[in-house]
Amino acid sequence: QSHSMIHTCCTPAADRGTLMAAAKASGARIVRLDVEVHGIVIPTPRG
């Protein structure tokens, strides 16, 4: 499998696509990538 070093938060979109294609081309079926909780859950005045 592929440890891609893709960061959902901040890897440029073009690089994400290129690296995903590379992982697939290697024959991997699973790609490991970062999903940053603090980039998805955003504080607001009400929660």
ModelCIF file with pLDDT and N, C-alpha, C, O atoms, coordinates in Angstrom:
data_MODEL
#
_entry.id   MODEL 
#
_entity.id                         1 
_entity.type                       polymer 
_entity.pdbx_number_of_molecules   1 
#
_entity_poly.entity_id                      1 
_entity_poly.type                           'polypeptide(L)' 
_entity_poly.nstd_linkage                   no 
_entity_poly.nstd_monomer                   no 
_entity_poly.pdbx_seq_one_letter_code       QSHSMIHTCCTPAADRGTLMAAAKASGARIVRLDVEVHGIVIPTPRG 
_entity_poly.pdbx_seq_one_letter_code_can   QSHSMIHTCCTPAADRGTLMAAAKASGARIVRLDVEVHGIVIPTPRG 
_entity_poly.pdbx_strand_id                 A 
#
loop_
_entity_poly_seq.entity_id 
_entity_poly_seq.num 
_entity_poly_seq.mon_id 
_entity_poly_seq.hetero 
1 1  GLN n 
1 2  SER n 
1 3  HIS n 
1 4  SER n 
1 5  MET n 
1 6  ILE n 
1 7  HIS n 
1 8  THR n 
1 9  CYS n 
1 10 CYS n 
1 11 THR n 
1 12 PRO n 
1 13 ALA n 
1 14 ALA n 
1 15 ASP n 
1 16 ARG n 
1 17 GLY n 
1 18 THR n 
1 19 LEU n 
1 20 MET n 
1 21 ALA n 
1 22 ALA n 
1 23 ALA n 
1 24 LYS n 
1 25 ALA n 
1 26 SER n 
1 27 GLY n 
1 28 ALA n 
1 29 ARG n 
1 30 ILE n 
1 31 VAL n 
1 32 ARG n 
1 33 LEU n 
1 34 ASP n 
1 35 VAL n 
1 36 GLU n 
1 37 VAL n 
1 38 HIS n 
1 39 GLY n 
1 40 ILE n 
1 41 VAL n 
1 42 ILE n 
1 43 PRO n 
1 44 THR n 
1 45 PRO n 
1 46 ARG n 
1 47 GLY n 
#
_struct_asym.id          A 
_struct_asym.entity_id   1 
#
loop_
_ma_qa_metric.id 
_ma_qa_metric.mode 
_ma_qa_metric.name 
_ma_qa_metric.software_group_id 
_ma_qa_metric.type 
1 global pLDDT . pLDDT 
2 local  pLDDT . pLDDT 
#
_ma_qa_metric_global.metric_id      1 
_ma_qa_metric_global.metric_value   96.66 
_ma_qa_metric_global.model_id       1 
_ma_qa_metric_global.ordinal_id     1 
#
loop_
_ma_qa_metric_local.label_asym_id 
_ma_qa_metric_local.label_comp_id 
_ma_qa_metric_local.label_seq_id 
_ma_qa_metric_local.metric_id 
_ma_qa_metric_local.metric_value 
_ma_qa_metric_local.model_id 
_ma_qa_metric_local.ordinal_id 
A GLN 1  2 97.00 1 1  
A SER 2  2 98.00 1 2  
A HIS 3  2 98.00 1 3  
A SER 4  2 96.00 1 4  
A MET 5  2 94.00 1 5  
A ILE 6  2 97.00 1 6  
A HIS 7  2 96.00 1 7  
A THR 8  2 96.00 1 8  
A CYS 9  2 94.00 1 9  
A CYS 10 2 94.00 1 10 
A THR 11 2 96.00 1 11 
A PRO 12 2 96.00 1 12 
A ALA 13 2 94.00 1 13 
A ALA 14 2 95.00 1 14 
A ASP 15 2 96.00 1 15 
A ARG 16 2 97.00 1 16 
A GLY 17 2 97.00 1 17 
A THR 18 2 97.00 1 18 
A LEU 19 2 97.00 1 19 
A MET 20 2 98.00 1 20 
A ALA 21 2 97.00 1 21 
A ALA 22 2 98.00 1 22 
A ALA 23 2 97.00 1 23 
A LYS 24 2 96.00 1 24 
A ALA 25 2 97.00 1 25 
A SER 26 2 97.00 1 26 
A GLY 27 2 95.00 1 27 
A ALA 28 2 96.00 1 28 
A ARG 29 2 95.00 1 29 
A ILE 30 2 97.00 1 30 
A VAL 31 2 98.00 1 31 
A ARG 32 2 98.00 1 32 
A LEU 33 2 98.00 1 33 
A ASP 34 2 98.00 1 34 
A VAL 35 2 98.00 1 35 
A GLU 36 2 98.00 1 36 
A VAL 37 2 98.00 1 37 
A HIS 38 2 98.00 1 38 
A GLY 39 2 97.00 1 39 
A ILE 40 2 98.00 1 40 
A VAL 41 2 98.00 1 41 
A ILE 42 2 98.00 1 42 
A PRO 43 2 97.00 1 43 
A THR 44 2 97.00 1 44 
A PRO 45 2 96.00 1 45 
A ARG 46 2 94.00 1 46 
A GLY 47 2 96.00 1 47 
#
loop_
_atom_site.group_PDB 
_atom_site.id 
_atom_site.type_symbol 
_atom_site.label_atom_id 
_atom_site.label_alt_id 
_atom_site.label_comp_id 
_atom_site.label_asym_id 
_atom_site.label_entity_id 
_atom_site.label_seq_id 
_atom_site.pdbx_PDB_ins_code 
_atom_site.Cartn_x 
_atom_site.Cartn_y 
_atom_site.Cartn_z 
_atom_site.occupancy 
_atom_site.B_iso_or_equiv 
_atom_site.pdbx_formal_charge 
_atom_site.auth_seq_id 
_atom_site.auth_comp_id 
_atom_site.auth_asym_id 
_atom_site.auth_atom_id 
_atom_site.pdbx_PDB_model_num 
ATOM 1   N N  . GLN A 1 1  ? 0.828   -1.201 0.000   1.00 97.00 ? 1  GLN A N  1 
ATOM 2   C CA . GLN A 1 1  ? 0.000   0.000  0.000   1.00 97.00 ? 1  GLN A CA 1 
ATOM 3   C C  . GLN A 1 1  ? 0.865   1.255  0.000   1.00 97.00 ? 1  GLN A C  1 
ATOM 4   O O  . GLN A 1 1  ? 2.092   1.180  0.070   1.00 97.00 ? 1  GLN A O  1 
ATOM 5   N N  . SER A 1 2  ? 0.206   2.412  -0.080  1.00 98.00 ? 2  SER A N  1 
ATOM 6   C CA . SER A 1 2  ? 0.923   3.665  -0.332  1.00 98.00 ? 2  SER A CA 1 
ATOM 7   C C  . SER A 1 2  ? 0.750   4.662  0.815   1.00 98.00 ? 2  SER A C  1 
ATOM 8   O O  . SER A 1 2  ? -0.362  5.097  1.114   1.00 98.00 ? 2  SER A O  1 
ATOM 9   N N  . HIS A 1 3  ? 1.865   5.013  1.448   1.00 98.00 ? 3  HIS A N  1 
ATOM 10  C CA . HIS A 1 3  ? 1.910   6.116  2.417   1.00 98.00 ? 3  HIS A CA 1 
ATOM 11  C C  . HIS A 1 3  ? 2.217   7.368  1.607   1.00 98.00 ? 3  HIS A C  1 
ATOM 12  O O  . HIS A 1 3  ? 3.369   7.626  1.259   1.00 98.00 ? 3  HIS A O  1 
ATOM 13  N N  . SER A 1 4  ? 1.171   8.150  1.309   1.00 96.00 ? 4  SER A N  1 
ATOM 14  C CA . SER A 1 4  ? 1.266   9.148  0.236   1.00 96.00 ? 4  SER A CA 1 
ATOM 15  C C  . SER A 1 4  ? 1.852   10.478 0.655   1.00 96.00 ? 4  SER A C  1 
ATOM 16  O O  . SER A 1 4  ? 2.380   11.207 -0.186  1.00 96.00 ? 4  SER A O  1 
ATOM 17  N N  . MET A 1 5  ? 1.774   10.820 1.944   1.00 94.00 ? 5  MET A N  1 
ATOM 18  C CA . MET A 1 5  ? 2.130   12.164 2.409   1.00 94.00 ? 5  MET A CA 1 
ATOM 19  C C  . MET A 1 5  ? 1.227   13.226 1.797   1.00 94.00 ? 5  MET A C  1 
ATOM 20  O O  . MET A 1 5  ? 1.651   14.364 1.596   1.00 94.00 ? 5  MET A O  1 
ATOM 21  N N  . ILE A 1 6  ? -0.018  12.858 1.501   1.00 97.00 ? 6  ILE A N  1 
ATOM 22  C CA . ILE A 1 6  ? -1.038  13.837 1.103   1.00 97.00 ? 6  ILE A CA 1 
ATOM 23  C C  . ILE A 1 6  ? -1.690  14.373 2.372   1.00 97.00 ? 6  ILE A C  1 
ATOM 24  O O  . ILE A 1 6  ? -2.119  13.601 3.230   1.00 97.00 ? 6  ILE A O  1 
ATOM 25  N N  . HIS A 1 7  ? -1.762  15.695 2.487   1.00 96.00 ? 7  HIS A N  1 
ATOM 26  C CA . HIS A 1 7  ? -2.445  16.344 3.605   1.00 96.00 ? 7  HIS A CA 1 
ATOM 27  C C  . HIS A 1 7  ? -3.720  16.974 3.070   1.00 96.00 ? 7  HIS A C  1 
ATOM 28  O O  . HIS A 1 7  ? -3.664  17.864 2.221   1.00 96.00 ? 7  HIS A O  1 
ATOM 29  N N  . THR A 1 8  ? -4.869  16.519 3.560   1.00 96.00 ? 8  THR A N  1 
ATOM 30  C CA . THR A 1 8  ? -6.142  17.026 3.067   1.00 96.00 ? 8  THR A CA 1 
ATOM 31  C C  . THR A 1 8  ? -6.219  18.537 3.192   1.00 96.00 ? 8  THR A C  1 
ATOM 32  O O  . THR A 1 8  ? -6.763  19.218 2.323   1.00 96.00 ? 8  THR A O  1 
ATOM 33  N N  . CYS A 1 9  ? -5.668  19.055 4.287   1.00 94.00 ? 9  CYS A N  1 
ATOM 34  C CA . CYS A 1 9  ? -5.768  20.492 4.550   1.00 94.00 ? 9  CYS A CA 1 
ATOM 35  C C  . CYS A 1 9  ? -5.014  21.339 3.557   1.00 94.00 ? 9  CYS A C  1 
ATOM 36  O O  . CYS A 1 9  ? -5.493  22.403 3.165   1.00 94.00 ? 9  CYS A O  1 
ATOM 37  N N  . CYS A 1 10 ? -3.840  20.893 3.140   1.00 94.00 ? 10 CYS A N  1 
ATOM 38  C CA . CYS A 1 10 ? -2.939  21.874 2.541   1.00 94.00 ? 10 CYS A CA 1 
ATOM 39  C C  . CYS A 1 10 ? -2.051  21.371 1.409   1.00 94.00 ? 10 CYS A C  1 
ATOM 40  O O  . CYS A 1 10 ? -1.211  22.128 0.924   1.00 94.00 ? 10 CYS A O  1 
ATOM 41  N N  . THR A 1 11 ? -2.202  20.133 0.972   1.00 96.00 ? 11 THR A N  1 
ATOM 42  C CA . THR A 1 11 ? -1.503  19.716 -0.247  1.00 96.00 ? 11 THR A CA 1 
ATOM 43  C C  . THR A 1 11 ? -2.248  20.300 -1.436  1.00 96.00 ? 11 THR A C  1 
ATOM 44  O O  . THR A 1 11 ? -3.457  20.099 -1.551  1.00 96.00 ? 11 THR A O  1 
ATOM 45  N N  . PRO A 1 12 ? -1.564  21.021 -2.330  1.00 96.00 ? 12 PRO A N  1 
ATOM 46  C CA . PRO A 1 12 ? -2.267  21.618 -3.474  1.00 96.00 ? 12 PRO A CA 1 
ATOM 47  C C  . PRO A 1 12 ? -3.068  20.580 -4.254  1.00 96.00 ? 12 PRO A C  1 
ATOM 48  O O  . PRO A 1 12 ? -2.663  19.424 -4.379  1.00 96.00 ? 12 PRO A O  1 
ATOM 49  N N  . ALA A 1 13 ? -4.202  21.012 -4.771  1.00 94.00 ? 13 ALA A N  1 
ATOM 50  C CA . ALA A 1 13 ? -5.116  20.091 -5.453  1.00 94.00 ? 13 ALA A CA 1 
ATOM 51  C C  . ALA A 1 13 ? -4.427  19.361 -6.598  1.00 94.00 ? 13 ALA A C  1 
ATOM 52  O O  . ALA A 1 13 ? -4.649  18.165 -6.791  1.00 94.00 ? 13 ALA A O  1 
ATOM 53  N N  . ALA A 1 14 ? -3.596  20.064 -7.358  1.00 95.00 ? 14 ALA A N  1 
ATOM 54  C CA . ALA A 1 14 ? -2.914  19.419 -8.488  1.00 95.00 ? 14 ALA A CA 1 
ATOM 55  C C  . ALA A 1 14 ? -1.985  18.312 -7.999  1.00 95.00 ? 14 ALA A C  1 
ATOM 56  O O  . ALA A 1 14 ? -1.899  17.250 -8.614  1.00 95.00 ? 14 ALA A O  1 
ATOM 57  N N  . ASP A 1 15 ? -1.283  18.568 -6.878  1.00 96.00 ? 15 ASP A N  1 
ATOM 58  C CA . ASP A 1 15 ? -0.389  17.545 -6.329  1.00 96.00 ? 15 ASP A CA 1 
ATOM 59  C C  . ASP A 1 15 ? -1.177  16.362 -5.772  1.00 96.00 ? 15 ASP A C  1 
ATOM 60  O O  . ASP A 1 15 ? -0.752  15.213 -5.900  1.00 96.00 ? 15 ASP A O  1 
ATOM 61  N N  . ARG A 1 16 ? -2.320  16.642 -5.157  1.00 97.00 ? 16 ARG A N  1 
ATOM 62  C CA . ARG A 1 16 ? -3.145  15.541 -4.648  1.00 97.00 ? 16 ARG A CA 1 
ATOM 63  C C  . ARG A 1 16 ? -3.535  14.593 -5.776  1.00 97.00 ? 16 ARG A C  1 
ATOM 64  O O  . ARG A 1 16 ? -3.441  13.373 -5.635  1.00 97.00 ? 16 ARG A O  1 
ATOM 65  N N  . GLY A 1 17 ? -3.971  15.162 -6.892  1.00 97.00 ? 17 GLY A N  1 
ATOM 66  C CA . GLY A 1 17 ? -4.367  14.329 -8.025  1.00 97.00 ? 17 GLY A CA 1 
ATOM 67  C C  . GLY A 1 17 ? -3.212  13.545 -8.595  1.00 97.00 ? 17 GLY A C  1 
ATOM 68  O O  . GLY A 1 17 ? -3.351  12.368 -8.929  1.00 97.00 ? 17 GLY A O  1 
ATOM 69  N N  . THR A 1 18 ? -2.067  14.197 -8.706  1.00 97.00 ? 18 THR A N  1 
ATOM 70  C CA . THR A 1 18 ? -0.895  13.532 -9.265  1.00 97.00 ? 18 THR A CA 1 
ATOM 71  C C  . THR A 1 18 ? -0.427  12.395 -8.361  1.00 97.00 ? 18 THR A C  1 
ATOM 72  O O  . THR A 1 18 ? -0.079  11.317 -8.840  1.00 97.00 ? 18 THR A O  1 
ATOM 73  N N  . LEU A 1 19 ? -0.420  12.641 -7.056  1.00 97.00 ? 19 LEU A N  1 
ATOM 74  C CA . LEU A 1 19 ? 0.034   11.619 -6.115  1.00 97.00 ? 19 LEU A CA 1 
ATOM 75  C C  . LEU A 1 19 ? -0.966  10.466 -6.006  1.00 97.00 ? 19 LEU A C  1 
ATOM 76  O O  . LEU A 1 19 ? -0.564  9.313  -5.856  1.00 97.00 ? 19 LEU A O  1 
ATOM 77  N N  . MET A 1 20 ? -2.249  10.767 -6.079  1.00 98.00 ? 20 MET A N  1 
ATOM 78  C CA . MET A 1 20 ? -3.243  9.690  -6.065  1.00 98.00 ? 20 MET A CA 1 
ATOM 79  C C  . MET A 1 20 ? -3.066  8.804  -7.299  1.00 98.00 ? 20 MET A C  1 
ATOM 80  O O  . MET A 1 20 ? -3.161  7.580  -7.212  1.00 98.00 ? 20 MET A O  1 
ATOM 81  N N  . ALA A 1 21 ? -2.807  9.430  -8.445  1.00 97.00 ? 21 ALA A N  1 
ATOM 82  C CA . ALA A 1 21 ? -2.564  8.653  -9.660  1.00 97.00 ? 21 ALA A CA 1 
ATOM 83  C C  . ALA A 1 21 ? -1.315  7.792  -9.516  1.00 97.00 ? 21 ALA A C  1 
ATOM 84  O O  . ALA A 1 21 ? -1.274  6.663  -10.005 1.00 97.00 ? 21 ALA A O  1 
ATOM 85  N N  . ALA A 1 22 ? -0.296  8.329  -8.845  1.00 98.00 ? 22 ALA A N  1 
ATOM 86  C CA . ALA A 1 22 ? 0.931   7.558  -8.641  1.00 98.00 ? 22 ALA A CA 1 
ATOM 87  C C  . ALA A 1 22 ? 0.686   6.372  -7.734  1.00 98.00 ? 22 ALA A C  1 
ATOM 88  O O  . ALA A 1 22 ? 1.174   5.274  -8.003  1.00 98.00 ? 22 ALA A O  1 
ATOM 89  N N  . ALA A 1 23 ? -0.075  6.579  -6.643  1.00 97.00 ? 23 ALA A N  1 
ATOM 90  C CA . ALA A 1 23 ? -0.391  5.472  -5.743  1.00 97.00 ? 23 ALA A CA 1 
ATOM 91  C C  . ALA A 1 23 ? -1.123  4.367  -6.498  1.00 97.00 ? 23 ALA A C  1 
ATOM 92  O O  . ALA A 1 23 ? -0.811  3.186  -6.340  1.00 97.00 ? 23 ALA A O  1 
ATOM 93  N N  . LYS A 1 24 ? -2.099  4.756  -7.319  1.00 96.00 ? 24 LYS A N  1 
ATOM 94  C CA . LYS A 1 24 ? -2.833  3.775  -8.115  1.00 96.00 ? 24 LYS A CA 1 
ATOM 95  C C  . LYS A 1 24 ? -1.910  3.065  -9.098  1.00 96.00 ? 24 LYS A C  1 
ATOM 96  O O  . LYS A 1 24 ? -1.997  1.849  -9.269  1.00 96.00 ? 24 LYS A O  1 
ATOM 97  N N  . ALA A 1 25 ? -1.029  3.822  -9.741  1.00 97.00 ? 25 ALA A N  1 
ATOM 98  C CA . ALA A 1 25 ? -0.108  3.234  -10.716 1.00 97.00 ? 25 ALA A CA 1 
ATOM 99  C C  . ALA A 1 25 ? 0.846   2.245  -10.075 1.00 97.00 ? 25 ALA A C  1 
ATOM 100 O O  . ALA A 1 25 ? 1.307   1.313  -10.733 1.00 97.00 ? 25 ALA A O  1 
ATOM 101 N N  . SER A 1 26 ? 1.148   2.436  -8.794  1.00 97.00 ? 26 SER A N  1 
ATOM 102 C CA . SER A 1 26 ? 2.039   1.499  -8.103  1.00 97.00 ? 26 SER A CA 1 
ATOM 103 C C  . SER A 1 26 ? 1.368   0.150  -7.857  1.00 97.00 ? 26 SER A C  1 
ATOM 104 O O  . SER A 1 26 ? 2.039   -0.832 -7.539  1.00 97.00 ? 26 SER A O  1 
ATOM 105 N N  . GLY A 1 27 ? 0.045   0.104  -8.003  1.00 95.00 ? 27 GLY A N  1 
ATOM 106 C CA . GLY A 1 27 ? -0.707  -1.110 -7.714  1.00 95.00 ? 27 GLY A CA 1 
ATOM 107 C C  . GLY A 1 27 ? -1.311  -1.138 -6.329  1.00 95.00 ? 27 GLY A C  1 
ATOM 108 O O  . GLY A 1 27 ? -1.962  -2.114 -5.957  1.00 95.00 ? 27 GLY A O  1 
ATOM 109 N N  . ALA A 1 28 ? -1.103  -0.073 -5.552  1.00 96.00 ? 28 ALA A N  1 
ATOM 110 C CA . ALA A 1 28 ? -1.704  -0.012 -4.209  1.00 96.00 ? 28 ALA A CA 1 
ATOM 111 C C  . ALA A 1 28 ? -3.218  0.025  -4.319  1.00 96.00 ? 28 ALA A C  1 
ATOM 112 O O  . ALA A 1 28 ? -3.773  0.548  -5.286  1.00 96.00 ? 28 ALA A O  1 
ATOM 113 N N  . ARG A 1 29 ? -3.874  -0.534 -3.321  1.00 95.00 ? 29 ARG A N  1 
ATOM 114 C CA . ARG A 1 29 ? -5.320  -0.448 -3.227  1.00 95.00 ? 29 ARG A CA 1 
ATOM 115 C C  . ARG A 1 29 ? -5.781  0.486  -2.118  1.00 95.00 ? 29 ARG A C  1 
ATOM 116 O O  . ARG A 1 29 ? -6.947  0.877  -2.072  1.00 95.00 ? 29 ARG A O  1 
ATOM 117 N N  . ILE A 1 30 ? -4.868  0.841  -1.229  1.00 97.00 ? 30 ILE A N  1 
ATOM 118 C CA . ILE A 1 30 ? -5.199  1.772  -0.150  1.00 97.00 ? 30 ILE A CA 1 
ATOM 119 C C  . ILE A 1 30 ? -4.118  2.856  -0.129  1.00 97.00 ? 30 ILE A C  1 
ATOM 120 O O  . ILE A 1 30 ? -2.926  2.559  -0.213  1.00 97.00 ? 30 ILE A O  1 
ATOM 121 N N  . VAL A 1 31 ? -4.546  4.106  -0.016  1.00 98.00 ? 31 VAL A N  1 
ATOM 122 C CA . VAL A 1 31 ? -3.605  5.212  0.108   1.00 98.00 ? 31 VAL A CA 1 
ATOM 123 C C  . VAL A 1 31 ? -3.811  5.841  1.481   1.00 98.00 ? 31 VAL A C  1 
ATOM 124 O O  . VAL A 1 31 ? -4.936  6.160  1.866   1.00 98.00 ? 31 VAL A O  1 
ATOM 125 N N  . ARG A 1 32 ? -2.721  6.016  2.209   1.00 98.00 ? 32 ARG A N  1 
ATOM 126 C CA . ARG A 1 32 ? -2.772  6.623  3.544   1.00 98.00 ? 32 ARG A CA 1 
ATOM 127 C C  . ARG A 1 32 ? -2.558  8.123  3.409   1.00 98.00 ? 32 ARG A C  1 
ATOM 128 O O  . ARG A 1 32 ? -1.587  8.565  2.795   1.00 98.00 ? 32 ARG A O  1 
ATOM 129 N N  . LEU A 1 33 ? -3.469  8.906  3.986   1.00 98.00 ? 33 LEU A N  1 
ATOM 130 C CA . LEU A 1 33 ? -3.351  10.357 3.904   1.00 98.00 ? 33 LEU A CA 1 
ATOM 131 C C  . LEU A 1 33 ? -3.939  11.006 5.155   1.00 98.00 ? 33 LEU A C  1 
ATOM 132 O O  . LEU A 1 33 ? -4.687  10.379 5.905   1.00 98.00 ? 33 LEU A O  1 
ATOM 133 N N  . ASP A 1 34 ? -3.589  12.264 5.362   1.00 98.00 ? 34 ASP A N  1 
ATOM 134 C CA . ASP A 1 34 ? -3.984  12.985 6.573   1.00 98.00 ? 34 ASP A CA 1 
ATOM 135 C C  . ASP A 1 34 ? -5.347  13.644 6.408   1.00 98.00 ? 34 ASP A C  1 
ATOM 136 O O  . ASP A 1 34 ? -5.625  14.282 5.393   1.00 98.00 ? 34 ASP A O  1 
ATOM 137 N N  . VAL A 1 35 ? -6.188  13.480 7.416   1.00 98.00 ? 35 VAL A N  1 
ATOM 138 C CA . VAL A 1 35 ? -7.474  14.177 7.500   1.00 98.00 ? 35 VAL A CA 1 
ATOM 139 C C  . VAL A 1 35 ? -7.454  14.962 8.807   1.00 98.00 ? 35 VAL A C  1 
ATOM 140 O O  . VAL A 1 35 ? -7.695  14.398 9.875   1.00 98.00 ? 35 VAL A O  1 
ATOM 141 N N  . GLU A 1 36 ? -7.169  16.250 8.728   1.00 98.00 ? 36 GLU A N  1 
ATOM 142 C CA . GLU A 1 36 ? -6.953  17.063 9.919   1.00 98.00 ? 36 GLU A CA 1 
ATOM 143 C C  . GLU A 1 36 ? -8.285  17.456 10.541  1.00 98.00 ? 36 GLU A C  1 
ATOM 144 O O  . GLU A 1 36 ? -9.071  18.189 9.940   1.00 98.00 ? 36 GLU A O  1 
ATOM 145 N N  . VAL A 1 37 ? -8.531  16.963 11.750  1.00 98.00 ? 37 VAL A N  1 
ATOM 146 C CA . VAL A 1 37 ? -9.802  17.245 12.427  1.00 98.00 ? 37 VAL A CA 1 
ATOM 147 C C  . VAL A 1 37 ? -9.963  18.744 12.652  1.00 98.00 ? 37 VAL A C  1 
ATOM 148 O O  . VAL A 1 37 ? -11.053 19.289 12.476  1.00 98.00 ? 37 VAL A O  1 
ATOM 149 N N  . HIS A 1 38 ? -8.875  19.411 13.042  1.00 98.00 ? 38 HIS A N  1 
ATOM 150 C CA . HIS A 1 38 ? -8.952  20.841 13.342  1.00 98.00 ? 38 HIS A CA 1 
ATOM 151 C C  . HIS A 1 38 ? -9.132  21.703 12.096  1.00 98.00 ? 38 HIS A C  1 
ATOM 152 O O  . HIS A 1 38 ? -9.421  22.895 12.197  1.00 98.00 ? 38 HIS A O  1 
ATOM 153 N N  . GLY A 1 39 ? -8.963  21.100 10.924  1.00 97.00 ? 39 GLY A N  1 
ATOM 154 C CA . GLY A 1 39 ? -9.251  21.820 9.688   1.00 97.00 ? 39 GLY A CA 1 
ATOM 155 C C  . GLY A 1 39 ? -10.683 21.642 9.222   1.00 97.00 ? 39 GLY A C  1 
ATOM 156 O O  . GLY A 1 39 ? -11.145 22.364 8.339   1.00 97.00 ? 39 GLY A O  1 
ATOM 157 N N  . ILE A 1 40 ? -11.384 20.691 9.806   1.00 98.00 ? 40 ILE A N  1 
ATOM 158 C CA . ILE A 1 40 ? -12.773 20.405 9.419   1.00 98.00 ? 40 ILE A CA 1 
ATOM 159 C C  . ILE A 1 40 ? -13.760 20.965 10.436  1.00 98.00 ? 40 ILE A C  1 
ATOM 160 O O  . ILE A 1 40 ? -14.809 21.488 10.062  1.00 98.00 ? 40 ILE A O  1 
ATOM 161 N N  . VAL A 1 41 ? -13.425 20.857 11.732  1.00 98.00 ? 41 VAL A N  1 
ATOM 162 C CA . VAL A 1 41 ? -14.309 21.312 12.808  1.00 98.00 ? 41 VAL A CA 1 
ATOM 163 C C  . VAL A 1 41 ? -13.898 22.745 13.158  1.00 98.00 ? 41 VAL A C  1 
ATOM 164 O O  . VAL A 1 41 ? -12.840 22.965 13.748  1.00 98.00 ? 41 VAL A O  1 
ATOM 165 N N  . ILE A 1 42 ? -14.732 23.709 12.794  1.00 98.00 ? 42 ILE A N  1 
ATOM 166 C CA . ILE A 1 42 ? -14.377 25.124 12.865  1.00 98.00 ? 42 ILE A CA 1 
ATOM 167 C C  . ILE A 1 42 ? -15.191 25.811 13.958  1.00 98.00 ? 42 ILE A C  1 
ATOM 168 O O  . ILE A 1 42 ? -16.417 25.702 13.974  1.00 98.00 ? 42 ILE A O  1 
ATOM 169 N N  . PRO A 1 43 ? -14.514 26.528 14.886  1.00 97.00 ? 43 PRO A N  1 
ATOM 170 C CA . PRO A 1 43 ? -15.270 27.216 15.943  1.00 97.00 ? 43 PRO A CA 1 
ATOM 171 C C  . PRO A 1 43 ? -16.072 28.398 15.394  1.00 97.00 ? 43 PRO A C  1 
ATOM 172 O O  . PRO A 1 43 ? -15.639 29.087 14.471  1.00 97.00 ? 43 PRO A O  1 
ATOM 173 N N  . THR A 1 44 ? -17.233 28.611 15.975  1.00 97.00 ? 44 THR A N  1 
ATOM 174 C CA . THR A 1 44 ? -18.086 29.763 15.655  1.00 97.00 ? 44 THR A CA 1 
ATOM 175 C C  . THR A 1 44 ? -18.546 30.370 16.977  1.00 97.00 ? 44 THR A C  1 
ATOM 176 O O  . THR A 1 44 ? -18.364 29.752 18.026  1.00 97.00 ? 44 THR A O  1 
ATOM 177 N N  . PRO A 1 45 ? -19.136 31.563 16.955  1.00 96.00 ? 45 PRO A N  1 
ATOM 178 C CA . PRO A 1 45 ? -19.636 32.154 18.214  1.00 96.00 ? 45 PRO A CA 1 
ATOM 179 C C  . PRO A 1 45 ? -20.665 31.277 18.918  1.00 96.00 ? 45 PRO A C  1 
ATOM 180 O O  . PRO A 1 45 ? -20.842 31.397 20.130  1.00 96.00 ? 45 PRO A O  1 
ATOM 181 N N  . ARG A 1 46 ? -21.348 30.396 18.181  1.00 94.00 ? 46 ARG A N  1 
ATOM 182 C CA . ARG A 1 46 ? -22.400 29.572 18.782  1.00 94.00 ? 46 ARG A CA 1 
ATOM 183 C C  . ARG A 1 46 ? -22.010 28.104 18.925  1.00 94.00 ? 46 ARG A C  1 
ATOM 184 O O  . ARG A 1 46 ? -22.852 27.268 19.254  1.00 94.00 ? 46 ARG A O  1 
ATOM 185 N N  . GLY A 1 47 ? -20.764 27.791 18.686  1.00 96.00 ? 47 GLY A N  1 
ATOM 186 C CA . GLY A 1 47 ? -20.339 26.400 18.788  1.00 96.00 ? 47 GLY A CA 1 
ATOM 187 C C  . GLY A 1 47 ? -19.348 26.032 17.698  1.00 96.00 ? 47 GLY A C  1 
ATOM 188 O O  . GLY A 1 47 ? -18.889 24.892 17.640  1.00 96.00 ? 47 GLY A O  1 
#
